[in-house]
């Protein structure tokens, strides 16, 4: 389960996720208090904020998590095992060890982002970073669903109407994802110069950058290039 600090700051939310048997990697704000641990898992020193833990951490290493629209996306990260402080009388430590992941972008004098994660102790820092950064893709999809396909345009008052609207939007999005995979397959073979020129002439400029609006598909194509509606996909049965 990935979540931003609006959820991650809630110890109740984190505890209930674990009671449901779910792992989490949630962002938290800098005042969140934790206990540092020794190599044997015992509490060390006094509880402190995750920001103070970052100040006591001398080694941040550069980690690249994926390719972005402007090149490789990377920053500097450090991690350590901690136990979060219970938000109850007494303020003891949680029973479970978790990862505290800290990010300090280049040029910053202190960490700017923090995550608590219940992921395995043997997981590499690169894998841990890749997982917490996956939340951006979810947010990007949500923005596309609203901006491109009208997810937030429903104005009805019944659950059935809302359910039909969301189902239709998701079906459209699944179709567009399938079309995108067809045009920008990661297994696409290198094409010759003549073949690339022919593709560009027939389909227009190729754009498939992560985070960009859904390109060259349906409403983004010129009317002269749009597929006849009867050839887009097999007919779907009416929703109940």
Protein backbone atom coordinates (compact mmCIF):
# COMPACT_ATOMS: atom_id res chain seq x y z
CA UNK A 1 0.00 0.00 0.00
CA UNK A 2 1.42 3.37 -1.07
CA UNK A 3 0.09 6.60 0.42
CA UNK A 4 1.07 10.22 0.95
CA UNK A 5 1.65 11.88 4.30
CA UNK A 6 -2.06 12.69 4.77
CA UNK A 7 -2.49 8.96 5.48
CA UNK A 8 1.05 8.03 6.49
CA UNK A 9 1.07 10.35 9.50
CA UNK A 10 -1.80 8.39 11.04
CA UNK A 11 -0.54 5.60 13.27
CA UNK A 12 -4.08 4.20 13.33
CA UNK A 13 -4.09 3.92 9.54
CA UNK A 14 -0.72 2.18 9.52
CA UNK A 15 -1.74 -0.23 12.28
CA UNK A 16 -5.00 -1.19 10.58
CA UNK A 17 -3.17 -1.89 7.32
CA UNK A 18 -1.00 -4.37 9.18
CA UNK A 19 -4.04 -5.95 10.81
CA UNK A 20 -5.39 -6.51 7.31
CA UNK A 21 -2.16 -8.26 6.39
CA UNK A 22 -0.95 -5.48 4.07
CA UNK A 23 2.56 -4.08 3.77
CA UNK A 24 2.85 -0.32 3.37
CA UNK A 25 5.31 2.32 2.20
CA UNK A 26 3.83 5.65 3.27
CA UNK A 27 5.20 9.16 3.30
CA UNK A 28 5.36 10.97 6.64
CA UNK A 29 6.08 14.55 7.69
CA UNK A 30 9.37 15.55 9.27
CA UNK A 31 8.05 15.86 12.90
CA UNK A 32 7.07 12.16 12.96
CA UNK A 33 8.83 10.61 15.96
CA UNK A 34 10.67 7.28 15.87
CA UNK A 35 13.08 5.21 17.93
CA UNK A 36 16.38 4.33 16.30
CA UNK A 37 17.53 0.72 16.62
CA UNK A 38 20.84 -1.01 17.17
CA UNK A 39 22.05 -3.72 14.80
CA UNK A 40 20.47 -6.28 17.14
CA UNK A 41 17.08 -4.54 16.99
CA UNK A 42 17.13 -2.92 20.46
CA UNK A 43 16.04 0.65 21.08
CA UNK A 44 18.90 3.14 20.92
CA UNK A 45 18.97 6.54 22.61
CA UNK A 46 15.86 8.68 22.90
CA UNK A 47 13.01 9.00 20.39
CA UNK A 48 13.57 11.74 17.84
CA UNK A 49 11.90 13.19 14.77
CA UNK A 50 12.69 11.68 11.39
CA UNK A 51 14.28 15.03 10.46
CA UNK A 52 16.72 14.67 13.36
CA UNK A 53 17.46 11.11 12.26
CA UNK A 54 18.33 12.54 8.86
CA UNK A 55 20.70 15.05 10.45
CA UNK A 56 22.49 12.19 12.25
CA UNK A 57 22.80 10.23 9.02
CA UNK A 58 26.06 11.05 7.28
CA UNK A 59 25.83 8.79 4.26
CA UNK A 60 23.31 9.47 1.51
CA UNK A 61 23.86 7.56 -1.71
CA UNK A 62 22.68 8.35 -5.21
CA UNK A 63 19.87 6.11 -6.47
CA UNK A 64 18.29 6.13 -9.94
CA UNK A 65 14.77 4.71 -10.01
CA UNK A 66 13.59 5.11 -13.62
CA UNK A 67 13.91 6.91 -16.93
CA UNK A 68 11.94 10.17 -17.10
CA UNK A 69 11.02 12.50 -19.94
CA UNK A 70 14.26 14.44 -19.47
CA UNK A 71 16.59 11.58 -18.67
CA UNK A 72 17.27 9.36 -15.68
CA UNK A 73 15.49 10.31 -12.46
CA UNK A 74 17.77 10.14 -9.44
CA UNK A 75 18.31 11.64 -6.01
CA UNK A 76 20.20 10.90 -2.78
CA UNK A 77 18.74 8.50 -0.22
CA UNK A 78 19.56 6.97 3.14
CA UNK A 79 17.67 4.44 5.25
CA UNK A 80 17.71 2.85 8.68
CA UNK A 81 15.59 0.52 10.78
CA UNK A 82 13.32 2.23 13.31
CA UNK A 83 10.21 1.79 15.40
CA UNK A 84 7.56 4.46 15.28
CA UNK A 85 6.45 6.01 18.55
CA UNK A 86 2.92 5.07 19.58
CA UNK A 87 0.52 8.00 19.75
CA UNK A 88 -0.86 6.92 23.09
CA UNK A 89 -0.25 7.65 26.73
CA UNK A 90 3.31 6.72 27.54
CA UNK A 91 4.50 7.08 23.94
CA UNK A 92 6.24 3.70 23.77
CA UNK A 93 7.64 2.14 20.63
CA UNK A 94 5.62 0.10 18.14
CA UNK A 95 6.26 -3.63 18.25
CA UNK A 96 7.29 -3.81 14.59
CA UNK A 97 10.52 -2.66 13.00
CA UNK A 98 10.11 -0.67 9.80
CA UNK A 99 12.33 1.02 7.28
CA UNK A 100 12.77 4.77 7.49
CA UNK A 101 13.73 6.02 4.03
CA UNK A 102 14.98 9.60 3.65
CA UNK A 103 15.53 11.63 0.48
CA UNK A 104 17.88 14.58 0.23
CA UNK A 105 17.92 16.04 -3.29
CA UNK A 106 21.14 17.43 -4.68
CA UNK A 107 21.81 20.93 -3.38
CA UNK A 108 19.70 20.52 -0.23
CA UNK A 109 21.32 20.71 3.21
CA UNK A 110 18.79 18.40 4.88
CA UNK A 111 16.39 15.60 3.89
CA UNK A 112 13.11 16.79 2.38
CA UNK A 113 11.02 13.59 2.18
CA UNK A 114 10.53 10.66 4.54
CA UNK A 115 8.80 7.29 4.26
CA UNK A 116 8.02 4.46 6.66
CA UNK A 117 7.89 1.01 5.05
CA UNK A 118 7.17 -2.49 6.36
CA UNK A 119 9.09 -4.08 3.50
CA UNK A 120 11.57 -6.93 4.04
CA UNK A 121 14.76 -6.24 5.95
CA UNK A 122 16.90 -7.69 3.18
CA UNK A 123 15.45 -5.48 0.44
CA UNK A 124 17.99 -3.32 -1.40
CA UNK A 125 17.75 0.45 -1.14
CA UNK A 126 17.28 0.72 -4.93
CA UNK A 127 14.27 -1.61 -4.82
CA UNK A 128 12.86 0.30 -1.86
CA UNK A 129 13.18 3.63 -3.68
CA UNK A 130 11.60 2.21 -6.84
CA UNK A 131 8.58 1.04 -4.85
CA UNK A 132 7.91 4.29 -2.99
CA UNK A 133 8.27 6.27 -6.23
CA UNK A 134 5.56 4.18 -7.90
CA UNK A 135 2.98 6.44 -6.24
CA UNK A 136 3.68 9.07 -8.90
CA UNK A 137 2.37 6.74 -11.60
CA UNK A 138 -0.89 6.26 -9.69
CA UNK A 139 -1.31 10.02 -9.34
CA UNK A 140 -0.52 10.51 -13.04
CA UNK A 141 -3.16 7.96 -14.05
CA UNK A 142 -5.71 9.65 -11.79
CA UNK A 143 -4.99 13.03 -13.39
CA UNK A 144 -5.33 11.50 -16.86
CA UNK A 145 -8.63 9.89 -15.93
CA UNK A 146 -9.96 13.27 -14.79
CA UNK A 147 -8.43 15.52 -17.44
CA UNK A 148 -8.68 13.27 -20.50
CA UNK A 149 -11.65 10.98 -19.85
CA UNK A 150 -13.92 12.96 -17.54
CA UNK A 151 -13.76 10.85 -14.38
CA UNK A 152 -14.83 13.86 -12.31
CA UNK A 153 -17.63 14.97 -14.66
CA UNK A 154 -20.37 12.82 -13.14
CA UNK A 155 -23.16 14.94 -11.66
CA UNK A 156 -25.72 12.29 -10.76
CA UNK A 157 -26.98 11.40 -7.31
CA UNK A 158 -27.23 7.59 -7.34
CA UNK A 159 -24.59 4.96 -6.71
CA UNK A 160 -25.74 3.02 -9.77
CA UNK A 161 -25.21 6.03 -12.03
CA UNK A 162 -21.81 6.75 -10.48
CA UNK A 163 -20.82 3.09 -10.82
CA UNK A 164 -21.74 3.06 -14.52
CA UNK A 165 -19.84 6.30 -15.11
CA UNK A 166 -16.66 5.05 -13.41
CA UNK A 167 -16.90 1.67 -15.19
CA UNK A 168 -17.19 3.38 -18.57
CA UNK A 169 -14.23 5.64 -17.87
CA UNK A 170 -12.09 2.68 -16.79
CA UNK A 171 -13.06 0.69 -19.90
CA UNK A 172 -12.03 3.64 -22.08
CA UNK A 173 -8.78 3.98 -20.18
CA UNK A 174 -8.03 0.25 -20.55
CA UNK A 175 -8.61 0.54 -24.31
CA UNK A 176 -6.25 3.52 -24.57
CA UNK A 177 -3.57 1.74 -22.52
CA UNK A 178 -3.83 -1.22 -24.89
CA UNK A 179 -3.46 1.10 -27.88
CA UNK A 180 -0.49 2.81 -26.24
CA UNK A 181 1.21 -0.54 -25.63
CA UNK A 182 0.65 -1.45 -29.27
CA UNK A 183 2.25 1.77 -30.54
CA UNK A 184 5.05 2.02 -27.94
CA UNK A 185 5.85 -1.58 -27.14
CA UNK A 186 9.02 -1.98 -25.03
CA UNK A 187 9.91 -4.92 -27.28
CA UNK A 188 9.67 -2.90 -30.48
CA UNK A 189 12.42 -3.73 -32.92
CA UNK A 190 14.71 -0.96 -34.20
CA UNK A 191 13.41 0.36 -37.48
CA UNK A 192 15.30 1.57 -40.48
CA UNK A 193 15.33 5.22 -41.41
CA UNK A 194 12.81 4.78 -44.22
CA UNK A 195 10.45 2.79 -41.99
CA UNK A 196 10.61 5.43 -39.23
CA UNK A 197 9.87 8.18 -41.74
CA UNK A 198 6.86 6.25 -43.06
CA UNK A 199 5.51 5.75 -39.52
CA UNK A 200 5.85 9.44 -38.70
CA UNK A 201 4.10 10.45 -41.94
CA UNK A 202 1.17 8.13 -41.30
CA UNK A 203 0.68 8.66 -37.60
CA UNK A 204 2.12 12.11 -36.94
CA UNK A 205 4.85 12.90 -34.38
CA UNK A 206 5.53 10.13 -31.91
CA UNK A 207 5.07 11.08 -28.29
CA UNK A 208 4.89 8.58 -25.49
CA UNK A 209 6.72 10.23 -22.62
CA UNK A 210 5.74 9.26 -19.10
CA UNK A 211 3.51 11.84 -17.53
CA UNK A 212 2.43 13.43 -20.83
CA UNK A 213 -1.26 13.56 -21.85
CA UNK A 214 -2.51 10.49 -23.69
CA UNK A 215 -1.13 11.10 -27.23
CA UNK A 216 -2.20 10.20 -30.75
CA UNK A 217 -5.15 8.15 -29.61
CA UNK A 218 -8.80 8.80 -30.41
CA UNK A 219 -9.58 12.41 -29.44
CA UNK A 220 -5.91 13.44 -29.87
CA UNK A 221 -5.82 12.45 -33.53
CA UNK A 222 -6.83 14.65 -36.41
CA UNK A 223 -10.29 13.79 -37.82
CA UNK A 224 -8.72 12.54 -41.05
CA UNK A 225 -6.62 10.02 -39.08
CA UNK A 226 -9.30 8.76 -36.69
CA UNK A 227 -10.40 5.15 -36.93
CA UNK A 228 -14.00 4.50 -37.91
CA UNK A 229 -15.94 3.82 -34.74
CA UNK A 230 -17.14 0.46 -36.05
CA UNK A 231 -13.53 -0.72 -36.35
CA UNK A 232 -12.28 0.43 -32.93
CA UNK A 233 -13.32 -2.62 -30.92
CA UNK A 234 -15.97 -5.32 -30.80
CA UNK A 235 -19.36 -4.22 -29.53
CA UNK A 236 -19.76 -4.34 -25.75
CA UNK A 237 -22.88 -5.60 -24.03
CA UNK A 238 -24.97 -3.01 -22.21
CA UNK A 239 -24.23 -2.53 -18.53
CA UNK A 240 -26.98 -3.84 -16.23
